[in-house]
Amino acid sequence: MSIVGAYRIALFFTGPKHAGENIAEVLKQRARELPAPIQMCDALSRNSPKTGIQTLLANCLAHGRRQVVEVAENFPEECRHILEKLGHVYHNDALAREQELSAEERLRFHQEHSGPVMSELREWMKAQLAEHRVEPNSGLGKAISYLLNHWAKLTLFLSQPGAPLDNNIVERALKKAILNRRNALFYKTLNGAHTGDLFMSLIHTCELNGINPFDYLTELLRHSAELLAHPSEWMPWN
């Protein structure tokens, strides 16, 4: 999933490669003079490219939050404290969207309103482990350790304009692949998978930009010669 200004592009890949290998192939085609893009993913090492491609790596705050939710029944008070702090951050992000803040304005807004909340939460979590209030090997201890170990990447939104809080938009897009796999009863060949990925990429890109996928694909077929001559003019938003 790529977000550039008001435009959103979804790319689906089916095959034996890890996510980091797929994104490396895409970024090799990116203009080298452009600044490093922000890459949002969970903390698995295989999600980041390993071939010298530079990205600004952000980790998914919702993924860290989910680990806390999963142990909330056993540690209700501690988990409530963490979730309320993260709730403030998400509330601030919603306010930034409502106010249609620019990337720079959103960054300053988060630094002012979310920065102190996250700093307080970080110190509180450190104290839980340092003062042995929480067993490190317990469910809550592991959840806190995950947040602390990946803190810089989880809080990139406090230092980098445009950095998202989480990877939820991509996780929702993955449901498209599961639905298509069920409808197609899997792919028979890698070429068939490539064709399926192509159509899923076009269809979901249309949906992300408020375009009717059926109408768009119909126009592509009607104007195949013009599409071949000037493909950039036939992006969904055009």
C-alpha atoms as a PDB file:
ATOM      1  CA  MET A   1       0.000   0.000   0.000  1.00  0.00           C
ATOM      2  CA  SER A   2       1.425   3.376  -1.025  1.00  0.00           C
ATOM      3  CA  ILE A   3      -0.031   6.717   0.083  1.00  0.00           C
ATOM      4  CA  VAL A   4       1.183   9.825  -1.750  1.00  0.00           C
ATOM      5  CA  GLY A   5      -0.812  12.937  -1.007  1.00  0.00           C
ATOM      6  CA  ALA A   6      -4.461  12.239  -1.765  1.00  0.00           C
ATOM      7  CA  TYR A   7      -3.689   9.144  -3.849  1.00  0.00           C
ATOM      8  CA  ARG A   8      -3.576   5.563  -2.582  1.00  0.00           C
ATOM      9  CA  ILE A   9      -2.207   2.575  -4.483  1.00  0.00           C
ATOM     10  CA  ALA A  10      -2.538  -1.065  -3.453  1.00  0.00           C
ATOM     11  CA  LEU A  11      -0.170  -3.736  -4.805  1.00  0.00           C
ATOM     12  CA  PHE A  12      -0.763  -7.435  -4.152  1.00  0.00           C
ATOM     13  CA  PHE A  13       1.958 -10.087  -4.472  1.00  0.00           C
ATOM     14  CA  THR A  14       1.443 -13.857  -4.385  1.00  0.00           C
ATOM     15  CA  GLY A  15       4.526 -16.077  -4.283  1.00  0.00           C
ATOM     16  CA  PRO A  16       7.363 -17.479  -2.160  1.00  0.00           C
ATOM     17  CA  LYS A  17       9.032 -14.144  -1.335  1.00  0.00           C
ATOM     18  CA  HIS A  18       8.804 -12.361   2.005  1.00  0.00           C
ATOM     19  CA  ALA A  19       7.261  -8.896   2.257  1.00  0.00           C
ATOM     20  CA  GLY A  20      10.698  -7.278   2.503  1.00  0.00           C
ATOM     21  CA  GLU A  21      11.791  -8.900  -0.766  1.00  0.00           C
ATOM     22  CA  ASN A  22       8.616  -7.747  -2.527  1.00  0.00           C
ATOM     23  CA  ILE A  23       8.930  -4.152  -1.347  1.00  0.00           C
ATOM     24  CA  ALA A  24      12.604  -4.106  -2.341  1.00  0.00           C
ATOM     25  CA  GLU A  25      11.633  -5.001  -5.934  1.00  0.00           C
ATOM     26  CA  VAL A  26       9.092  -2.172  -5.989  1.00  0.00           C
ATOM     27  CA  LEU A  27      11.447   0.418  -4.495  1.00  0.00           C
ATOM     28  CA  LYS A  28      14.204  -0.436  -6.995  1.00  0.00           C
ATOM     29  CA  GLN A  29      11.981   1.246  -9.597  1.00  0.00           C
ATOM     30  CA  ARG A  30      11.610   4.398  -7.497  1.00  0.00           C
ATOM     31  CA  ALA A  31      13.527   7.545  -8.475  1.00  0.00           C
ATOM     32  CA  ARG A  32      16.777   7.533  -6.480  1.00  0.00           C
ATOM     33  CA  GLU A  33      16.737  11.290  -5.855  1.00  0.00           C
ATOM     34  CA  LEU A  34      13.531  11.012  -3.810  1.00  0.00           C
ATOM     35  CA  PRO A  35      13.861  10.928  -0.009  1.00  0.00           C
ATOM     36  CA  ALA A  36      13.507   7.573   1.738  1.00  0.00           C
ATOM     37  CA  PRO A  37       9.841   6.554   2.011  1.00  0.00           C
ATOM     38  CA  ILE A  38       8.149   5.732   5.301  1.00  0.00           C
ATOM     39  CA  GLN A  39       7.551   1.988   5.595  1.00  0.00           C
ATOM     40  CA  MET A  40       4.877   0.927   8.071  1.00  0.00           C
ATOM     41  CA  CYS A  41       4.795  -2.719   9.180  1.00  0.00           C
ATOM     42  CA  ASP A  42       4.958  -4.897  12.268  1.00  0.00           C
ATOM     43  CA  ALA A  43       8.316  -5.665  13.869  1.00  0.00           C
ATOM     44  CA  LEU A  44       9.122  -8.888  11.973  1.00  0.00           C
ATOM     45  CA  SER A  45      12.608  -8.485  10.485  1.00  0.00           C
ATOM     46  CA  ARG A  46      11.623 -10.068   7.171  1.00  0.00           C
ATOM     47  CA  ASN A  47       9.205  -7.203   6.466  1.00  0.00           C
ATOM     48  CA  SER A  48      12.029  -4.744   5.756  1.00  0.00           C
ATOM     49  CA  PRO A  49      14.145  -4.813   2.552  1.00  0.00           C
ATOM     50  CA  LYS A  50      17.658  -6.270   2.874  1.00  0.00           C
ATOM     51  CA  THR A  51      19.219  -5.165  -0.430  1.00  0.00           C
ATOM     52  CA  GLY A  52      20.458  -1.689   0.431  1.00  0.00           C
ATOM     53  CA  ILE A  53      17.065  -0.055  -0.094  1.00  0.00           C
ATOM     54  CA  GLN A  54      16.623   2.696   2.498  1.00  0.00           C
ATOM     55  CA  THR A  55      13.277   3.255   4.220  1.00  0.00           C
ATOM     56  CA  LEU A  56      12.163   5.100   7.340  1.00  0.00           C
ATOM     57  CA  LEU A  57      10.833   2.154   9.311  1.00  0.00           C
ATOM     58  CA  ALA A  58       7.722   2.632  11.443  1.00  0.00           C
ATOM     59  CA  ASN A  59       6.156  -0.144  13.497  1.00  0.00           C
ATOM     60  CA  CYS A  60       2.436  -0.677  13.968  1.00  0.00           C
ATOM     61  CA  LEU A  61       1.129   0.806  17.224  1.00  0.00           C
ATOM     62  CA  ALA A  62      -2.094  -1.217  16.877  1.00  0.00           C
ATOM     63  CA  HIS A  63      -0.003  -4.411  16.849  1.00  0.00           C
ATOM     64  CA  GLY A  64       1.598  -3.441  20.162  1.00  0.00           C
ATOM     65  CA  ARG A  65      -1.783  -2.400  21.552  1.00  0.00           C
ATOM     66  CA  ARG A  66      -3.285  -5.745  20.552  1.00  0.00           C
ATOM     67  CA  GLN A  67      -0.748  -7.589  22.689  1.00  0.00           C
ATOM     68  CA  VAL A  68      -1.931  -5.596  25.692  1.00  0.00           C
ATOM     69  CA  VAL A  69      -5.597  -6.278  24.912  1.00  0.00           C
ATOM     70  CA  GLU A  70      -4.904 -10.015  24.776  1.00  0.00           C
ATOM     71  CA  VAL A  71      -3.728 -10.082  28.415  1.00  0.00           C
ATOM     72  CA  ALA A  72      -6.170  -7.478  29.791  1.00  0.00           C
ATOM     73  CA  GLU A  73      -8.271 -10.102  31.574  1.00  0.00           C
ATOM     74  CA  ASN A  74      -5.288 -11.152  33.703  1.00  0.00           C
ATOM     75  CA  PHE A  75      -3.906  -7.634  34.313  1.00  0.00           C
ATOM     76  CA  PRO A  76      -6.963  -5.362  34.190  1.00  0.00           C
ATOM     77  CA  GLU A  77      -5.626  -2.279  35.990  1.00  0.00           C
ATOM     78  CA  GLU A  78      -2.231  -2.176  34.289  1.00  0.00           C
ATOM     79  CA  CYS A  79      -3.674  -2.846  30.852  1.00  0.00           C
ATOM     80  CA  ARG A  80      -6.358  -0.202  31.351  1.00  0.00           C
ATOM     81  CA  HIS A  81      -3.632   2.342  32.071  1.00  0.00           C
ATOM     82  CA  ILE A  82      -1.731   1.501  28.867  1.00  0.00           C
ATOM     83  CA  LEU A  83      -4.853   1.397  26.695  1.00  0.00           C
ATOM     84  CA  GLU A  84      -6.113   4.733  28.004  1.00  0.00           C
ATOM     85  CA  LYS A  85      -2.786   6.377  27.155  1.00  0.00           C
ATOM     86  CA  LEU A  86      -2.816   4.913  23.645  1.00  0.00           C
ATOM     87  CA  GLY A  87      -6.454   5.957  23.352  1.00  0.00           C
ATOM     88  CA  HIS A  88      -5.402   9.588  23.867  1.00  0.00           C
ATOM     89  CA  VAL A  89      -2.951   9.271  20.986  1.00  0.00           C
ATOM     90  CA  TYR A  90      -5.571   7.833  18.635  1.00  0.00           C
ATOM     91  CA  HIS A  91      -8.002  10.548  19.700  1.00  0.00           C
ATOM     92  CA  ASN A  92      -5.411  13.186  18.817  1.00  0.00           C
ATOM     93  CA  ASP A  93      -4.853  11.574  15.428  1.00  0.00           C
ATOM     94  CA  ALA A  94      -8.607  11.634  14.761  1.00  0.00           C
ATOM     95  CA  LEU A  95      -8.667  15.344  15.650  1.00  0.00           C
ATOM     96  CA  ALA A  96      -5.811  15.976  13.222  1.00  0.00           C
ATOM     97  CA  ARG A  97      -7.799  14.285  10.438  1.00  0.00           C
ATOM     98  CA  GLU A  98     -10.963  16.213  11.299  1.00  0.00           C
ATOM     99  CA  GLN A  99      -9.032  19.483  11.175  1.00  0.00           C
ATOM    100  CA  GLU A 100      -7.390  18.396   7.887  1.00  0.00           C
ATOM    101  CA  LEU A 101      -3.944  19.259   9.203  1.00  0.00           C
ATOM    102  CA  SER A 102      -0.978  19.064   6.859  1.00  0.00           C
ATOM    103  CA  ALA A 103       1.748  16.510   7.586  1.00  0.00           C
ATOM    104  CA  GLU A 104       3.877  19.157   9.299  1.00  0.00           C
ATOM    105  CA  GLU A 105       0.927  20.532  11.284  1.00  0.00           C
ATOM    106  CA  ARG A 106      -0.065  17.003  12.346  1.00  0.00           C
ATOM    107  CA  LEU A 107       3.508  16.349  13.501  1.00  0.00           C
ATOM    108  CA  ARG A 108       3.543  19.477  15.670  1.00  0.00           C
ATOM    109  CA  PHE A 109       0.068  18.623  17.012  1.00  0.00           C
ATOM    110  CA  HIS A 110       1.196  15.140  18.040  1.00  0.00           C
ATOM    111  CA  GLN A 111       4.431  16.446  19.517  1.00  0.00           C
ATOM    112  CA  GLU A 112       2.474  18.877  21.674  1.00  0.00           C
ATOM    113  CA  HIS A 113      -0.429  16.654  22.697  1.00  0.00           C
ATOM    114  CA  SER A 114       0.713  13.037  22.239  1.00  0.00           C
ATOM    115  CA  GLY A 115       4.415  13.427  23.033  1.00  0.00           C
ATOM    116  CA  PRO A 116       3.963  13.986  26.794  1.00  0.00           C
ATOM    117  CA  VAL A 117       1.434  11.134  26.989  1.00  0.00           C
ATOM    118  CA  MET A 118       3.808   8.691  25.313  1.00  0.00           C
ATOM    119  CA  SER A 119       6.783   9.844  27.419  1.00  0.00           C
ATOM    120  CA  GLU A 120       4.796   9.273  30.592  1.00  0.00           C
ATOM    121  CA  LEU A 121       3.700   5.846  29.378  1.00  0.00           C
ATOM    122  CA  ARG A 122       7.261   4.861  28.522  1.00  0.00           C
ATOM    123  CA  GLU A 123       8.562   5.804  31.986  1.00  0.00           C
ATOM    124  CA  TRP A 124       5.648   3.993  33.639  1.00  0.00           C
ATOM    125  CA  MET A 125       6.366   0.802  31.670  1.00  0.00           C
ATOM    126  CA  LYS A 126      10.080   0.988  32.475  1.00  0.00           C
ATOM    127  CA  ALA A 127       9.215   1.268  36.160  1.00  0.00           C
ATOM    128  CA  GLN A 128       6.943  -1.781  35.998  1.00  0.00           C
ATOM    129  CA  LEU A 129       9.887  -3.922  34.945  1.00  0.00           C
ATOM    130  CA  ALA A 130      12.677  -2.185  36.863  1.00  0.00           C
ATOM    131  CA  GLU A 131      10.785  -2.284  40.165  1.00  0.00           C
ATOM    132  CA  HIS A 132       9.588  -5.854  39.581  1.00  0.00           C
ATOM    133  CA  ARG A 133       5.922  -4.898  39.664  1.00  0.00           C
ATOM    134  CA  VAL A 134       5.464  -7.062  36.567  1.00  0.00           C
ATOM    135  CA  GLU A 135       7.150 -10.388  35.884  1.00  0.00           C
ATOM    136  CA  PRO A 136       9.129 -10.038  32.607  1.00  0.00           C
ATOM    137  CA  ASN A 137       8.048 -13.486  31.383  1.00  0.00           C
ATOM    138  CA  SER A 138       4.356 -12.866  32.091  1.00  0.00           C
ATOM    139  CA  GLY A 139       1.927 -11.904  29.345  1.00  0.00           C
ATOM    140  CA  LEU A 140       1.963  -8.269  30.419  1.00  0.00           C
ATOM    141  CA  GLY A 141       5.746  -8.276  30.800  1.00  0.00           C
ATOM    142  CA  LYS A 142       6.171  -9.514  27.246  1.00  0.00           C
ATOM    143  CA  ALA A 143       3.688  -6.938  25.933  1.00  0.00           C
ATOM    144  CA  ILE A 144       5.516  -4.128  27.733  1.00  0.00           C
ATOM    145  CA  SER A 145       8.900  -5.402  26.526  1.00  0.00           C
ATOM    146  CA  TYR A 146       7.622  -5.410  22.940  1.00  0.00           C
ATOM    147  CA  LEU A 147       6.535  -1.774  23.234  1.00  0.00           C
ATOM    148  CA  LEU A 148       9.798  -0.674  24.864  1.00  0.00           C
ATOM    149  CA  ASN A 149      12.067  -2.637  22.505  1.00  0.00           C
ATOM    150  CA  HIS A 150      10.466  -1.090  19.416  1.00  0.00           C
ATOM    151  CA  TRP A 151       9.706   2.333  20.903  1.00  0.00           C
ATOM    152  CA  ALA A 152      11.528   4.477  18.318  1.00  0.00           C
ATOM    153  CA  LYS A 153       9.737   2.798  15.402  1.00  0.00           C
ATOM    154  CA  LEU A 154       6.375   2.725  17.225  1.00  0.00           C
ATOM    155  CA  THR A 155       6.615   6.490  17.827  1.00  0.00           C
ATOM    156  CA  LEU A 156       7.959   7.627  14.456  1.00  0.00           C
ATOM    157  CA  PHE A 157       4.800   9.754  14.179  1.00  0.00           C
ATOM    158  CA  LEU A 158       6.362  12.017  16.841  1.00  0.00           C
ATOM    159  CA  SER A 159       9.453  12.784  14.742  1.00  0.00           C
ATOM    160  CA  GLN A 160       8.568  12.273  11.070  1.00  0.00           C
ATOM    161  CA  PRO A 161       5.867  14.200   9.156  1.00  0.00           C
ATOM    162  CA  GLY A 162       3.234  11.886   7.693  1.00  0.00           C
ATOM    163  CA  ALA A 163       4.216   8.783   9.666  1.00  0.00           C
ATOM    164  CA  PRO A 164       1.045   6.751  10.393  1.00  0.00           C
ATOM    165  CA  LEU A 165       0.178   5.252  13.760  1.00  0.00           C
ATOM    166  CA  ASP A 166      -0.522   1.758  12.516  1.00  0.00           C
ATOM    167  CA  ASN A 167      -0.746  -0.658   9.614  1.00  0.00           C
ATOM    168  CA  ASN A 168      -4.521  -1.196   9.789  1.00  0.00           C
ATOM    169  CA  ILE A 169      -5.176  -0.012   6.216  1.00  0.00           C
ATOM    170  CA  VAL A 170      -2.934  -2.805   4.900  1.00  0.00           C
ATOM    171  CA  GLU A 171      -4.369  -5.422   7.241  1.00  0.00           C
ATOM    172  CA  ARG A 172      -7.837  -4.594   5.888  1.00  0.00           C
ATOM    173  CA  ALA A 173      -6.497  -4.919   2.350  1.00  0.00           C
ATOM    174  CA  LEU A 174      -5.201  -8.422   3.122  1.00  0.00           C
ATOM    175  CA  LYS A 175      -8.799  -9.535   3.601  1.00  0.00           C
ATOM    176  CA  LYS A 176      -9.234  -8.933  -0.141  1.00  0.00           C
ATOM    177  CA  ALA A 177      -6.589 -11.548  -0.874  1.00  0.00           C
ATOM    178  CA  ILE A 178      -8.263 -14.067   1.433  1.00  0.00           C
ATOM    179  CA  LEU A 179     -11.668 -13.435  -0.129  1.00  0.00           C
ATOM    180  CA  ASN A 180     -10.246 -13.774  -3.652  1.00  0.00           C
ATOM    181  CA  ARG A 181      -8.412 -16.980  -2.726  1.00  0.00           C
ATOM    182  CA  ARG A 182     -11.659 -18.494  -1.447  1.00  0.00           C
ATOM    183  CA  ASN A 183     -13.600 -17.421  -4.514  1.00  0.00           C
ATOM    184  CA  ALA A 184     -10.937 -18.732  -6.898  1.00  0.00           C
ATOM    185  CA  LEU A 185     -10.341 -21.933  -4.910  1.00  0.00           C
ATOM    186  CA  PHE A 186      -6.616 -21.034  -4.935  1.00  0.00           C
ATOM    187  CA  TYR A 187      -4.453 -20.404  -8.019  1.00  0.00           C
ATOM    188  CA  LYS A 188      -3.339 -23.225 -10.290  1.00  0.00           C
ATOM    189  CA  THR A 189      -0.112 -21.606 -11.524  1.00  0.00           C
ATOM    190  CA  LEU A 190       2.190 -18.737 -10.584  1.00  0.00           C
ATOM    191  CA  ASN A 191       1.132 -16.973 -13.785  1.00  0.00           C
ATOM    192  CA  GLY A 192      -2.496 -17.263 -12.705  1.00  0.00           C
ATOM    193  CA  ALA A 193      -1.534 -15.831  -9.312  1.00  0.00           C
ATOM    194  CA  HIS A 194       0.229 -12.919 -11.026  1.00  0.00           C
ATOM    195  CA  THR A 195      -2.902 -12.192 -13.063  1.00  0.00           C
ATOM    196  CA  GLY A 196      -5.032 -12.346  -9.933  1.00  0.00           C
ATOM    197  CA  ASP A 197      -2.653  -9.976  -8.145  1.00  0.00           C
ATOM    198  CA  LEU A 198      -2.854  -7.535 -11.052  1.00  0.00           C
ATOM    199  CA  PHE A 199      -6.648  -7.390 -10.960  1.00  0.00           C
ATOM    200  CA  MET A 200      -6.781  -7.232  -7.151  1.00  0.00           C
ATOM    201  CA  SER A 201      -4.301  -4.340  -7.244  1.00  0.00           C
ATOM    202  CA  LEU A 202      -6.397  -2.429  -9.782  1.00  0.00           C
ATOM    203  CA  ILE A 203      -9.717  -3.165  -8.084  1.00  0.00           C
ATOM    204  CA  HIS A 204      -8.605  -2.259  -4.563  1.00  0.00           C
ATOM    205  CA  THR A 205      -6.761   0.845  -5.768  1.00  0.00           C
ATOM    206  CA  CYS A 206     -10.038   1.995  -7.315  1.00  0.00           C
ATOM    207  CA  GLU A 207     -11.906   1.370  -4.072  1.00  0.00           C
ATOM    208  CA  LEU A 208      -9.306   3.256  -2.035  1.00  0.00           C
ATOM    209  CA  ASN A 209      -9.757   6.291  -4.290  1.00  0.00           C
ATOM    210  CA  GLY A 210     -13.560   6.188  -4.474  1.00  0.00           C
ATOM    211  CA  ILE A 211     -13.655   4.926  -8.075  1.00  0.00           C
ATOM    212  CA  ASN A 212     -16.038   2.233  -9.372  1.00  0.00           C
ATOM    213  CA  PRO A 213     -13.731  -0.707 -10.273  1.00  0.00           C
ATOM    214  CA  PHE A 214     -16.081  -2.177 -12.883  1.00  0.00           C
ATOM    215  CA  ASP A 215     -16.425   1.131 -14.720  1.00  0.00           C
ATOM    216  CA  TYR A 216     -12.673   1.709 -14.565  1.00  0.00           C
ATOM    217  CA  LEU A 217     -11.731  -1.732 -15.941  1.00  0.00           C
ATOM    218  CA  THR A 218     -14.346  -1.340 -18.669  1.00  0.00           C
ATOM    219  CA  GLU A 219     -12.775   1.962 -19.767  1.00  0.00           C
ATOM    220  CA  LEU A 220      -9.324   0.381 -19.837  1.00  0.00           C
ATOM    221  CA  LEU A 221     -10.581  -2.289 -22.240  1.00  0.00           C
ATOM    222  CA  ARG A 222     -12.319   0.305 -24.420  1.00  0.00           C
ATOM    223  CA  HIS A 223      -9.191   2.438 -24.680  1.00  0.00           C
ATOM    224  CA  SER A 224      -6.410  -0.150 -24.707  1.00  0.00           C
ATOM    225  CA  ALA A 225      -4.399   1.651 -27.399  1.00  0.00           C
ATOM    226  CA  GLU A 226      -4.406   4.960 -25.515  1.00  0.00           C
ATOM    227  CA  LEU A 227      -3.604   3.095 -22.298  1.00  0.00           C
ATOM    228  CA  LEU A 228      -0.562   1.460 -23.891  1.00  0.00           C
ATOM    229  CA  ALA A 229       0.688   4.787 -25.278  1.00  0.00           C
ATOM    230  CA  HIS A 230       0.187   6.838 -22.089  1.00  0.00           C
ATOM    231  CA  PRO A 231      -0.308   4.534 -19.056  1.00  0.00           C
ATOM    232  CA  SER A 232       0.215   7.290 -16.469  1.00  0.00           C
ATOM    233  CA  GLU A 233      -2.817   9.152 -17.835  1.00  0.00           C
ATOM    234  CA  TRP A 234      -5.019   6.140 -17.097  1.00  0.00           C
ATOM    235  CA  MET A 235      -4.517   5.845 -13.370  1.00  0.00           C
ATOM    236  CA  PRO A 236      -7.876   5.484 -11.543  1.00  0.00           C
ATOM    237  CA  TRP A 237      -7.957   9.115 -10.333  1.00  0.00           C
ATOM    238  CA  ASN A 238      -7.583  10.340 -13.940  1.00  0.00           C
END
